Amino acid sequence: MFRLLIATLLAAFAFAAQASVDVNKASQAELETIKGIGPALSTKILDARKAGDFKSWADMVDRVAGVGPGNAARFSQAGLTVGSASYSAPTAASKAPATKAAAPAKPAAPR
């Protein structure tokens, strides 16, 4: 019984290690194993990769039409990586547009 448990755990860890697919190394067939990536999107990814490896998830989102932050998060959850890194959504501070510094408040008028 103990051997079966150990064998099952080892098999699970081996499966988890093989479940990730690096976008910079994957073939079209490997990309299509990721839920949500079909033939059309895998072709777009491979065409964009011809210009060079993706440096980050942001680079991939910028260069591949049809891959936005939402899809990137879903693909990462399904096992896709960019340079062995999972997707992490940009923070709210990095998404917010730059704003002007607030002007100092005017002193109250004398009464």
Protein backbone atom coordinates (compact mmCIF):
# COMPACT_ATOMS: atom_id res chain seq x y z
CA MET A 1 0.00 0.00 0.00
CA PHE A 2 2.81 2.38 0.92
CA ARG A 3 4.60 1.67 -2.38
CA LEU A 4 1.43 2.43 -4.32
CA LEU A 5 1.08 5.76 -2.53
CA ILE A 6 4.70 6.68 -3.27
CA ALA A 7 4.33 5.65 -6.93
CA THR A 8 1.16 7.71 -7.27
CA LEU A 9 2.79 10.78 -5.75
CA LEU A 10 5.83 10.46 -8.01
CA ALA A 11 3.60 10.10 -11.06
CA ALA A 12 1.64 13.20 -10.04
CA PHE A 13 4.82 15.24 -9.62
CA ALA A 14 6.15 14.02 -12.97
CA PHE A 15 2.88 14.98 -14.69
CA ALA A 16 2.92 18.42 -13.09
CA ALA A 17 6.50 19.01 -14.23
CA GLN A 18 5.60 18.08 -17.81
CA ALA A 19 2.37 20.07 -17.81
CA SER A 20 4.09 23.42 -18.35
CA VAL A 21 4.71 24.50 -21.93
CA ASP A 22 7.23 27.28 -22.62
CA VAL A 23 6.00 29.50 -25.44
CA ASN A 24 9.57 30.09 -26.66
CA LYS A 25 10.31 26.37 -27.08
CA ALA A 26 6.95 24.78 -27.89
CA SER A 27 5.90 23.35 -31.22
CA GLN A 28 2.51 24.13 -32.68
CA ALA A 29 1.15 20.83 -31.36
CA GLU A 30 2.48 21.56 -27.87
CA LEU A 31 0.94 25.04 -27.88
CA GLU A 32 -2.41 23.55 -28.85
CA THR A 33 -2.39 21.37 -25.73
CA ILE A 34 -3.06 24.55 -23.75
CA LYS A 35 -6.78 25.12 -23.25
CA GLY A 36 -7.89 28.07 -25.37
CA ILE A 37 -5.04 27.90 -27.89
CA GLY A 38 -6.17 26.49 -31.22
CA PRO A 39 -4.56 26.30 -34.65
CA ALA A 40 -5.14 29.98 -35.51
CA LEU A 41 -3.66 31.36 -32.29
CA SER A 42 -0.77 28.91 -32.22
CA THR A 43 0.12 30.02 -35.76
CA LYS A 44 0.04 33.69 -34.66
CA ILE A 45 2.31 32.85 -31.71
CA LEU A 46 4.80 30.98 -33.91
CA ASP A 47 4.79 33.79 -36.49
CA ALA A 48 5.51 36.39 -33.79
CA ARG A 49 8.23 34.18 -32.34
CA LYS A 50 10.07 34.24 -35.69
CA ALA A 51 11.04 37.85 -34.87
CA GLY A 52 12.69 36.61 -31.67
CA ASP A 53 11.85 34.91 -28.41
CA PHE A 54 9.32 36.55 -26.13
CA LYS A 55 11.14 38.35 -23.31
CA SER A 56 8.14 38.42 -20.97
CA TRP A 57 4.40 38.00 -20.83
CA ALA A 58 4.02 41.71 -21.58
CA ASP A 59 6.12 41.25 -24.71
CA MET A 60 3.90 38.37 -25.81
CA VAL A 61 0.69 40.33 -25.12
CA ASP A 62 2.07 43.23 -27.19
CA ARG A 63 3.21 41.12 -30.14
CA VAL A 64 0.43 38.52 -30.52
CA ALA A 65 -3.00 39.70 -31.59
CA GLY A 66 -5.68 37.87 -29.64
CA VAL A 67 -3.62 37.55 -26.47
CA GLY A 68 -4.56 40.12 -23.89
CA PRO A 69 -4.10 40.14 -20.12
CA GLY A 70 -7.21 38.00 -19.59
CA ASN A 71 -6.13 35.31 -22.05
CA ALA A 72 -2.57 35.47 -20.75
CA ALA A 73 -3.83 34.74 -17.24
CA ARG A 74 -5.95 31.82 -18.48
CA PHE A 75 -3.13 30.37 -20.59
CA SER A 76 -0.73 30.63 -17.67
CA GLN A 77 -3.24 28.89 -15.41
CA ALA A 78 -3.44 26.11 -18.01
CA GLY A 79 0.35 25.66 -17.95
CA LEU A 80 1.81 28.10 -20.50
CA THR A 81 4.98 29.91 -19.46
CA VAL A 82 7.19 32.58 -21.01
CA GLY A 83 10.81 31.91 -20.17
CA SER A 84 9.62 29.50 -17.45
CA ALA A 85 7.66 32.31 -15.78
CA SER A 86 3.94 32.25 -15.05
CA TYR A 87 1.79 35.26 -15.82
CA SER A 88 1.25 37.80 -13.10
CA ALA A 89 -1.21 40.59 -13.76
CA PRO A 90 0.17 44.13 -13.76
CA THR A 91 -0.43 45.98 -10.53
CA ALA A 92 -3.01 48.75 -10.40
CA ALA A 93 -0.24 51.34 -9.96
CA SER A 94 1.46 50.29 -13.18
CA LYS A 95 -1.84 50.34 -15.12
CA ALA A 96 -2.98 53.75 -13.86
CA PRO A 97 -2.10 56.68 -16.11
CA ALA A 98 0.35 59.20 -14.77
CA THR A 99 -1.40 62.09 -13.07
CA LYS A 100 -0.25 65.59 -12.30
CA ALA A 101 0.78 66.33 -8.76
CA ALA A 102 -1.98 67.98 -6.80
CA ALA A 103 -1.66 71.75 -6.54
CA PRO A 104 -1.12 73.02 -3.03
CA ALA A 105 -4.32 74.11 -1.33
CA LYS A 106 -4.97 77.85 -1.28
CA PRO A 107 -4.90 79.37 2.17
CA ALA A 108 -8.27 80.25 3.59
CA ALA A 109 -9.37 83.87 3.12
CA PRO A 110 -9.19 85.97 6.29
CA ARG A 111 -12.53 86.65 7.92
